[in-house]
PDB file of N, CA and C in Angstrom:
ATOM      1  N   MET A   1      33.186  14.138  -5.169  1.00  0.00           N
ATOM      2  CA  MET A   1      32.584  14.555  -6.125  1.00  0.00           C
ATOM      3  C   MET A   1      31.102  14.082  -4.863  1.00  0.00           C
ATOM      4  N   HIS A   2      30.435  15.530  -4.998  1.00  0.00           N
ATOM      5  CA  HIS A   2      29.195  15.431  -3.607  1.00  0.00           C
ATOM      6  C   HIS A   2      27.957  16.244  -4.279  1.00  0.00           C
ATOM      7  N   THR A   3      26.935  15.392  -4.728  1.00  0.00           N
ATOM      8  CA  THR A   3      26.116  15.744  -4.969  1.00  0.00           C
ATOM      9  C   THR A   3      24.669  15.679  -4.621  1.00  0.00           C
ATOM     10  N   LYS A   4      24.206  16.984  -4.461  1.00  0.00           N
ATOM     11  CA  LYS A   4      22.830  16.794  -3.458  1.00  0.00           C
ATOM     12  C   LYS A   4      21.521  16.769  -4.302  1.00  0.00           C
ATOM     13  N   VAL A   5      20.889  16.319  -3.990  1.00  0.00           N
ATOM     14  CA  VAL A   5      19.204  15.992  -5.084  1.00  0.00           C
ATOM     15  C   VAL A   5      18.254  16.466  -3.873  1.00  0.00           C
ATOM     16  N   ASP A   6      17.668  17.880  -4.432  1.00  0.00           N
ATOM     17  CA  ASP A   6      16.519  18.092  -3.656  1.00  0.00           C
ATOM     18  C   ASP A   6      15.032  18.094  -3.429  1.00  0.00           C
ATOM     19  N   PRO A   7      14.422  17.520  -3.467  1.00  0.00           N
ATOM     20  CA  PRO A   7      13.202  17.149  -3.382  1.00  0.00           C
ATOM     21  C   PRO A   7      13.031  17.718  -3.540  1.00  0.00           C
ATOM     22  N   ALA A   8      12.649  18.936  -3.597  1.00  0.00           N
ATOM     23  CA  ALA A   8      11.761  20.082  -4.071  1.00  0.00           C
ATOM     24  C   ALA A   8      12.286  20.626  -5.424  1.00  0.00           C
ATOM     25  N   LEU A   9      13.121  19.770  -6.590  1.00  0.00           N
ATOM     26  CA  LEU A   9      13.306  19.781  -8.028  1.00  0.00           C
ATOM     27  C   LEU A   9      12.076  19.084  -8.326  1.00  0.00           C
ATOM     28  N   PHE A  10      12.055  17.844  -7.922  1.00  0.00           N
ATOM     29  CA  PHE A  10      10.730  16.785  -8.084  1.00  0.00           C
ATOM     30  C   PHE A  10       9.344  17.864  -8.052  1.00  0.00           C
ATOM     31  N   GLU A  11       9.012  18.114  -6.540  1.00  0.00           N
ATOM     32  CA  GLU A  11       8.136  19.350  -6.516  1.00  0.00           C
ATOM     33  C   GLU A  11       7.385  20.367  -7.008  1.00  0.00           C
ATOM     34  N   ASN A  12       9.023  20.131  -8.144  1.00  0.00           N
ATOM     35  CA  ASN A  12       8.117  21.474  -8.358  1.00  0.00           C
ATOM     36  C   ASN A  12       7.701  21.522  -9.756  1.00  0.00           C
ATOM     37  N   MET A  13       8.314  20.164 -10.288  1.00  0.00           N
ATOM     38  CA  MET A  13       7.797  19.593 -12.059  1.00  0.00           C
ATOM     39  C   MET A  13       6.627  19.920 -12.077  1.00  0.00           C
ATOM     40  N   GLN A  14       6.431  19.837 -13.569  1.00  0.00           N
ATOM     41  CA  GLN A  14       4.326  20.311 -14.020  1.00  0.00           C
ATOM     42  C   GLN A  14       3.902  18.799 -14.520  1.00  0.00           C
ATOM     43  N   ASP A  15       5.198  17.622 -13.943  1.00  0.00           N
ATOM     44  CA  ASP A  15       4.126  16.511 -14.876  1.00  0.00           C
ATOM     45  C   ASP A  15       3.637  15.469 -12.812  1.00  0.00           C
ATOM     46  N   ALA A  16       2.664  15.418 -12.677  1.00  0.00           N
ATOM     47  CA  ALA A  16       2.460  14.839 -11.423  1.00  0.00           C
ATOM     48  C   ALA A  16       3.444  13.069 -11.171  1.00  0.00           C
ATOM     49  N   ALA A  17       3.075  13.171 -11.646  1.00  0.00           N
ATOM     50  CA  ALA A  17       4.348  11.238 -11.376  1.00  0.00           C
ATOM     51  C   ALA A  17       5.641  11.754 -11.087  1.00  0.00           C
ATOM     52  N   MET A  18       6.453  12.915 -11.586  1.00  0.00           N
ATOM     53  CA  MET A  18       7.938  12.904 -11.287  1.00  0.00           C
ATOM     54  C   MET A  18       7.915  13.603  -9.597  1.00  0.00           C
ATOM     55  N   ARG A  19       6.447  15.091  -9.870  1.00  0.00           N
ATOM     56  CA  ARG A  19       6.616  15.782  -8.349  1.00  0.00           C
ATOM     57  C   ARG A  19       6.186  14.534  -7.065  1.00  0.00           C
ATOM     58  N   GLU A  20       5.154  13.237  -7.205  1.00  0.00           N
ATOM     59  CA  GLU A  20       5.310  12.543  -6.372  1.00  0.00           C
ATOM     60  C   GLU A  20       6.888  12.022  -6.446  1.00  0.00           C
ATOM     61  N   ARG A  21       7.426  11.789  -7.395  1.00  0.00           N
ATOM     62  CA  ARG A  21       8.864  11.177  -7.288  1.00  0.00           C
ATOM     63  C   ARG A  21       9.425  11.809  -5.576  1.00  0.00           C
ATOM     64  N   ALA A  22       9.519  12.735  -5.226  1.00  0.00           N
ATOM     65  CA  ALA A  22      10.197  14.134  -4.530  1.00  0.00           C
ATOM     66  C   ALA A  22       9.712  12.483  -2.887  1.00  0.00           C
ATOM     67  N   ALA A  23       8.988  12.168  -2.806  1.00  0.00           N
ATOM     68  CA  ALA A  23       8.907  11.322  -1.224  1.00  0.00           C
ATOM     69  C   ALA A  23       9.574  10.292  -1.635  1.00  0.00           C
ATOM     70  N   ASP A  24      10.092   9.905  -3.089  1.00  0.00           N
ATOM     71  CA  ASP A  24      10.916   9.004  -3.197  1.00  0.00           C
ATOM     72  C   ASP A  24      12.614   9.386  -2.601  1.00  0.00           C
ATOM     73  N   VAL A  25      12.750  10.342  -2.922  1.00  0.00           N
ATOM     74  CA  VAL A  25      13.738  10.895  -2.579  1.00  0.00           C
ATOM     75  C   VAL A  25      14.220  11.140  -0.948  1.00  0.00           C
ATOM     76  N   ARG A  26      13.148  11.475  -0.711  1.00  0.00           N
ATOM     77  CA  ARG A  26      13.116  11.649   0.527  1.00  0.00           C
ATOM     78  C   ARG A  26      13.356  10.747   2.095  1.00  0.00           C
ATOM     79  N   ASP A  27      12.850   9.666   1.047  1.00  0.00           N
ATOM     80  CA  ASP A  27      12.634   8.368   1.924  1.00  0.00           C
ATOM     81  C   ASP A  27      14.199   7.701   1.474  1.00  0.00           C
ATOM     82  N   VAL A  28      14.772   7.925   0.913  1.00  0.00           N
ATOM     83  CA  VAL A  28      16.454   7.513   0.317  1.00  0.00           C
ATOM     84  C   VAL A  28      16.932   7.787   1.107  1.00  0.00           C
ATOM     85  N   GLY A  29      17.033   9.123   1.618  1.00  0.00           N
ATOM     86  CA  GLY A  29      17.118   9.939   2.515  1.00  0.00           C
ATOM     87  C   GLY A  29      17.466   9.721   3.671  1.00  0.00           C
ATOM     88  N   ARG A  30      16.087   9.407   4.338  1.00  0.00           N
ATOM     89  CA  ARG A  30      16.081   8.826   5.471  1.00  0.00           C
ATOM     90  C   ARG A  30      17.058   7.929   5.457  1.00  0.00           C
ATOM     91  N   GLN A  31      16.555   6.704   5.463  1.00  0.00           N
ATOM     92  CA  GLN A  31      17.523   5.857   4.779  1.00  0.00           C
ATOM     93  C   GLN A  31      18.422   5.424   5.168  1.00  0.00           C
ATOM     94  N   VAL A  32      19.560   6.294   4.009  1.00  0.00           N
ATOM     95  CA  VAL A  32      20.832   6.583   4.257  1.00  0.00           C
ATOM     96  C   VAL A  32      21.518   7.719   5.591  1.00  0.00           C
ATOM     97  N   LEU A  33      20.579   8.732   6.244  1.00  0.00           N
ATOM     98  CA  LEU A  33      20.941   8.970   7.036  1.00  0.00           C
ATOM     99  C   LEU A  33      20.623   8.339   8.201  1.00  0.00           C
ATOM    100  N   SER A  34      19.560   7.420   8.794  1.00  0.00           N
ATOM    101  CA  SER A  34      19.602   6.215   8.947  1.00  0.00           C
ATOM    102  C   SER A  34      20.309   5.026   9.562  1.00  0.00           C
ATOM    103  N   ALA A  35      21.222   4.835   7.985  1.00  0.00           N
ATOM    104  CA  ALA A  35      22.573   3.943   7.976  1.00  0.00           C
ATOM    105  C   ALA A  35      24.025   4.469   8.603  1.00  0.00           C
ATOM    106  N   LEU A  36      24.598   5.520   8.441  1.00  0.00           N
ATOM    107  CA  LEU A  36      25.203   6.899   8.725  1.00  0.00           C
ATOM    108  C   LEU A  36      25.253   6.866  10.200  1.00  0.00           C
ATOM    109  N   MET A  37      24.086   6.146  10.793  1.00  0.00           N
ATOM    110  CA  MET A  37      23.562   6.588  12.176  1.00  0.00           C
ATOM    111  C   MET A  37      23.482   5.669  12.873  1.00  0.00           C
ATOM    112  N   ALA A  38      23.530   4.607  12.334  1.00  0.00           N
ATOM    113  CA  ALA A  38      23.389   2.849  13.073  1.00  0.00           C
ATOM    114  C   ALA A  38      22.203   2.877  12.867  1.00  0.00           C
ATOM    115  N   LYS A  39      21.288   3.410  12.955  1.00  0.00           N
ATOM    116  CA  LYS A  39      20.036   3.991  14.259  1.00  0.00           C
ATOM    117  C   LYS A  39      19.550   2.845  13.073  1.00  0.00           C
ATOM    118  N   GLU A  40      18.390   1.734  13.300  1.00  0.00           N
ATOM    119  CA  GLU A  40      17.443   1.433  12.998  1.00  0.00           C
ATOM    120  C   GLU A  40      15.718   1.473  12.920  1.00  0.00           C
ATOM    121  N   ARG A  41      15.071   1.618  12.115  1.00  0.00           N
ATOM    122  CA  ARG A  41      13.638   2.137  12.275  1.00  0.00           C
ATOM    123  C   ARG A  41      12.592   1.323  12.745  1.00  0.00           C
ATOM    124  N   SER A  42      11.979   1.451  14.273  1.00  0.00           N
ATOM    125  CA  SER A  42      11.453   0.830  14.357  1.00  0.00           C
ATOM    126  C   SER A  42      10.190  -0.529  14.139  1.00  0.00           C
ATOM    127  N   VAL A  43       9.773  -1.431  14.243  1.00  0.00           N
ATOM    128  CA  VAL A  43       8.961  -2.129  13.848  1.00  0.00           C
ATOM    129  C   VAL A  43       7.238  -1.970  14.515  1.00  0.00           C
ATOM    130  N   TYR A  44       6.309  -1.266  13.814  1.00  0.00           N
ATOM    131  CA  TYR A  44       4.810  -1.316  14.201  1.00  0.00           C
ATOM    132  C   TYR A  44       4.350  -2.666  14.966  1.00  0.00           C
ATOM    133  N   ILE A  45       3.788  -2.709  15.875  1.00  0.00           N
ATOM    134  CA  ILE A  45       3.646  -4.242  16.706  1.00  0.00           C
ATOM    135  C   ILE A  45       1.777  -3.431  17.504  1.00  0.00           C
ATOM    136  N   SER A  46       1.076  -4.309  16.351  1.00  0.00           N
ATOM    137  CA  SER A  46      -0.008  -4.324  17.193  1.00  0.00           C
ATOM    138  C   SER A  46      -0.780  -4.798  18.098  1.00  0.00           C
ATOM    139  N   ASN A  47       0.585  -5.944  18.954  1.00  0.00           N
ATOM    140  CA  ASN A  47      -0.119  -6.546  20.054  1.00  0.00           C
ATOM    141  C   ASN A  47      -2.067  -6.976  19.510  1.00  0.00           C
ATOM    142  N   ASP A  48      -1.646  -8.055  18.127  1.00  0.00           N
ATOM    143  CA  ASP A  48      -2.709  -8.599  17.772  1.00  0.00           C
ATOM    144  C   ASP A  48      -4.167  -8.092  17.061  1.00  0.00           C
ATOM    145  N   GLU A  49      -3.887  -7.076  17.346  1.00  0.00           N
ATOM    146  CA  GLU A  49      -5.195  -5.774  17.087  1.00  0.00           C
ATOM    147  C   GLU A  49      -5.437  -5.245  16.265  1.00  0.00           C
ATOM    148  N   ASP A  50      -5.886  -5.225  15.143  1.00  0.00           N
ATOM    149  CA  ASP A  50      -6.279  -4.653  13.762  1.00  0.00           C
ATOM    150  C   ASP A  50      -6.047  -2.759  14.388  1.00  0.00           C
ATOM    151  N   TYR A  51      -5.386  -2.170  13.357  1.00  0.00           N
ATOM    152  CA  TYR A  51      -5.563  -0.911  13.048  1.00  0.00           C
ATOM    153  C   TYR A  51      -5.254   0.203  11.836  1.00  0.00           C
ATOM    154  N   ILE A  52      -5.043   0.378  11.566  1.00  0.00           N
ATOM    155  CA  ILE A  52      -5.230   1.630  10.589  1.00  0.00           C
ATOM    156  C   ILE A  52      -4.440   2.437  10.619  1.00  0.00           C
ATOM    157  N   PHE A  53      -2.953   2.671  10.214  1.00  0.00           N
ATOM    158  CA  PHE A  53      -1.697   3.213  10.009  1.00  0.00           C
ATOM    159  C   PHE A  53      -1.993   4.712   9.341  1.00  0.00           C
ATOM    160  N   ALA A  54      -1.424   5.604  10.498  1.00  0.00           N
ATOM    161  CA  ALA A  54      -1.702   7.148   9.834  1.00  0.00           C
ATOM    162  C   ALA A  54      -0.183   7.670   9.441  1.00  0.00           C
ATOM    163  N   ALA A  55       0.080   9.167   8.908  1.00  0.00           N
ATOM    164  CA  ALA A  55       0.898   9.279   9.011  1.00  0.00           C
ATOM    165  C   ALA A  55       1.044  10.411   8.080  1.00  0.00           C
ATOM    166  N   ASP A  56       2.210  11.226   8.455  1.00  0.00           N
ATOM    167  CA  ASP A  56       2.129  12.846   7.304  1.00  0.00           C
ATOM    168  C   ASP A  56       2.399  12.289   6.239  1.00  0.00           C
ATOM    169  N   GLU A  57       3.540  10.881   5.577  1.00  0.00           N
ATOM    170  CA  GLU A  57       3.068  10.354   4.426  1.00  0.00           C
ATOM    171  C   GLU A  57       3.602   8.681   4.383  1.00  0.00           C
ATOM    172  N   PHE A  58       3.236   8.088   3.568  1.00  0.00           N
ATOM    173  CA  PHE A  58       3.391   6.663   3.810  1.00  0.00           C
ATOM    174  C   PHE A  58       4.367   6.656   2.158  1.00  0.00           C
ATOM    175  N   LEU A  59       5.491   6.009   2.720  1.00  0.00           N
ATOM    176  CA  LEU A  59       7.055   6.072   2.244  1.00  0.00           C
ATOM    177  C   LEU A  59       6.797   4.146   2.309  1.00  0.00           C
ATOM    178  N   PRO A  60       7.482   4.374   0.962  1.00  0.00           N
ATOM    179  CA  PRO A  60       8.346   3.248   0.276  1.00  0.00           C
ATOM    180  C   PRO A  60       8.913   1.967   1.354  1.00  0.00           C
ATOM    181  N   SER A  61      10.071   3.062   2.124  1.00  0.00           N
ATOM    182  CA  SER A  61      10.451   1.537   3.022  1.00  0.00           C
ATOM    183  C   SER A  61       9.478   1.549   4.476  1.00  0.00           C
ATOM    184  N   ASP A  62       8.336   2.497   4.267  1.00  0.00           N
ATOM    185  CA  ASP A  62       7.493   2.741   5.509  1.00  0.00           C
ATOM    186  C   ASP A  62       6.546   1.072   5.560  1.00  0.00           C
ATOM    187  N   ALA A  63       6.402   0.547   4.016  1.00  0.00           N
ATOM    188  CA  ALA A  63       6.158  -0.783   3.770  1.00  0.00           C
ATOM    189  C   ALA A  63       6.513  -1.919   4.885  1.00  0.00           C
ATOM    190  N   GLY A  64       7.865  -2.134   5.633  1.00  0.00           N
ATOM    191  CA  GLY A  64       7.853  -2.924   5.805  1.00  0.00           C
ATOM    192  C   GLY A  64       8.081  -2.924   7.598  1.00  0.00           C
ATOM    193  N   ILE A  65       7.350  -2.463   7.636  1.00  0.00           N
ATOM    194  CA  ILE A  65       7.333  -1.732   9.311  1.00  0.00           C
ATOM    195  C   ILE A  65       5.978  -2.145  10.734  1.00  0.00           C
ATOM    196  N   LEU A  66       4.822  -2.579   9.534  1.00  0.00           N
ATOM    197  CA  LEU A  66       3.140  -2.409   9.132  1.00  0.00           C
ATOM    198  C   LEU A  66       2.918  -4.632   9.580  1.00  0.00           C
ATOM    199  N   ASP A  67       2.724  -4.071  10.662  1.00  0.00           N
ATOM    200  CA  ASP A  67       1.997  -5.544  10.520  1.00  0.00           C
ATOM    201  C   ASP A  67       1.322  -6.243   9.554  1.00  0.00           C
ATOM    202  N   ARG A  68       1.561  -6.548   9.425  1.00  0.00           N
ATOM    203  CA  ARG A  68       0.494  -6.727   8.131  1.00  0.00           C
ATOM    204  C   ARG A  68      -1.069  -7.204   7.905  1.00  0.00           C
ATOM    205  N   ASP A  69      -0.289  -8.592   9.442  1.00  0.00           N
ATOM    206  CA  ASP A  69      -1.434  -9.667   9.798  1.00  0.00           C
ATOM    207  C   ASP A  69      -3.084  -8.774  10.053  1.00  0.00           C
ATOM    208  N   HIS A  70      -2.249  -7.250  10.404  1.00  0.00           N
ATOM    209  CA  HIS A  70      -3.698  -6.389  11.072  1.00  0.00           C
ATOM    210  C   HIS A  70      -3.957  -5.144  10.601  1.00  0.00           C
ATOM    211  N   VAL A  71      -2.849  -5.067   9.519  1.00  0.00           N
ATOM    212  CA  VAL A  71      -2.910  -3.733   9.238  1.00  0.00           C
ATOM    213  C   VAL A  71      -4.853  -3.506   8.720  1.00  0.00           C
ATOM    214  N   ARG A  72      -5.801  -2.889   8.590  1.00  0.00           N
ATOM    215  CA  ARG A  72      -7.238  -2.847   7.352  1.00  0.00           C
ATOM    216  C   ARG A  72      -6.615  -1.176   7.463  1.00  0.00           C
ATOM    217  N   GLY A  73      -5.911  -0.525   6.873  1.00  0.00           N
ATOM    218  CA  GLY A  73      -6.034   0.614   6.472  1.00  0.00           C
ATOM    219  C   GLY A  73      -4.638   1.149   5.844  1.00  0.00           C
ATOM    220  N   ILE A  74      -4.346   2.551   5.818  1.00  0.00           N
ATOM    221  CA  ILE A  74      -3.233   3.435   5.356  1.00  0.00           C
ATOM    222  C   ILE A  74      -3.800   4.697   5.075  1.00  0.00           C
ATOM    223  N   VAL A  75      -3.607   6.353   5.914  1.00  0.00           N
ATOM    224  CA  VAL A  75      -4.263   7.032   6.030  1.00  0.00           C
ATOM    225  C   VAL A  75      -2.629   8.301   6.093  1.00  0.00           C
ATOM    226  N   THR A  76      -2.657   9.071   4.993  1.00  0.00           N
ATOM    227  CA  THR A  76      -1.743  10.096   4.813  1.00  0.00           C
ATOM    228  C   THR A  76      -2.083  11.165   4.838  1.00  0.00           C
ATOM    229  N   ALA A  77      -1.377  12.048   5.234  1.00  0.00           N
ATOM    230  CA  ALA A  77      -2.314  13.741   4.770  1.00  0.00           C
ATOM    231  C   ALA A  77      -1.487  14.258   3.590  1.00  0.00           C
ATOM    232  N   ARG A  78      -0.244  13.138   2.616  1.00  0.00           N
ATOM    233  CA  ARG A  78       0.176  13.964   1.726  1.00  0.00           C
ATOM    234  C   ARG A  78       0.098  12.388   0.994  1.00  0.00           C
ATOM    235  N   GLY A  79       0.027  12.745  -0.367  1.00  0.00           N
ATOM    236  CA  GLY A  79       0.069  12.275  -1.643  1.00  0.00           C
ATOM    237  C   GLY A  79      -0.935  11.657  -2.722  1.00  0.00           C
ATOM    238  N   GLY A  80      -0.662  11.063  -3.370  1.00  0.00           N
ATOM    239  CA  GLY A  80      -1.567  11.194  -4.754  1.00  0.00           C
ATOM    240  C   GLY A  80      -1.989   9.626  -5.014  1.00  0.00           C
ATOM    241  N   LYS A  81      -2.254   8.979  -6.208  1.00  0.00           N
ATOM    242  CA  LYS A  81      -2.709   8.218  -7.257  1.00  0.00           C
ATOM    243  C   LYS A  81      -1.606   7.715  -7.757  1.00  0.00           C
ATOM    244  N   TYR A  82      -0.177   8.534  -7.030  1.00  0.00           N
ATOM    245  CA  TYR A  82       1.289   7.152  -7.897  1.00  0.00           C
ATOM    246  C   TYR A  82       1.841   7.350  -6.675  1.00  0.00           C
ATOM    247  N   SER A  83       1.864   7.149  -5.312  1.00  0.00           N
ATOM    248  CA  SER A  83       2.035   7.641  -3.935  1.00  0.00           C
ATOM    249  C   SER A  83       1.866   5.219  -3.604  1.00  0.00           C
TER     250      SER A  83
END
């Protein structure tokens, strides 16, 4: 059985909270693809300096790659209050 979940399905919903679930679908897809390709994501190392994390979007799995002792903010190009 092959089932494909298209993030656009969520992006086109009227409810804002559901539209933002598209990022969750992309995140799961990215994690599955990385696992299938046997790749690990790099951990961001700040070399003991404070920094602001900037990305197109901040996905739940991104929280695990931050140097939490030194991150001072997160800036994203996409997202909303449920992100």
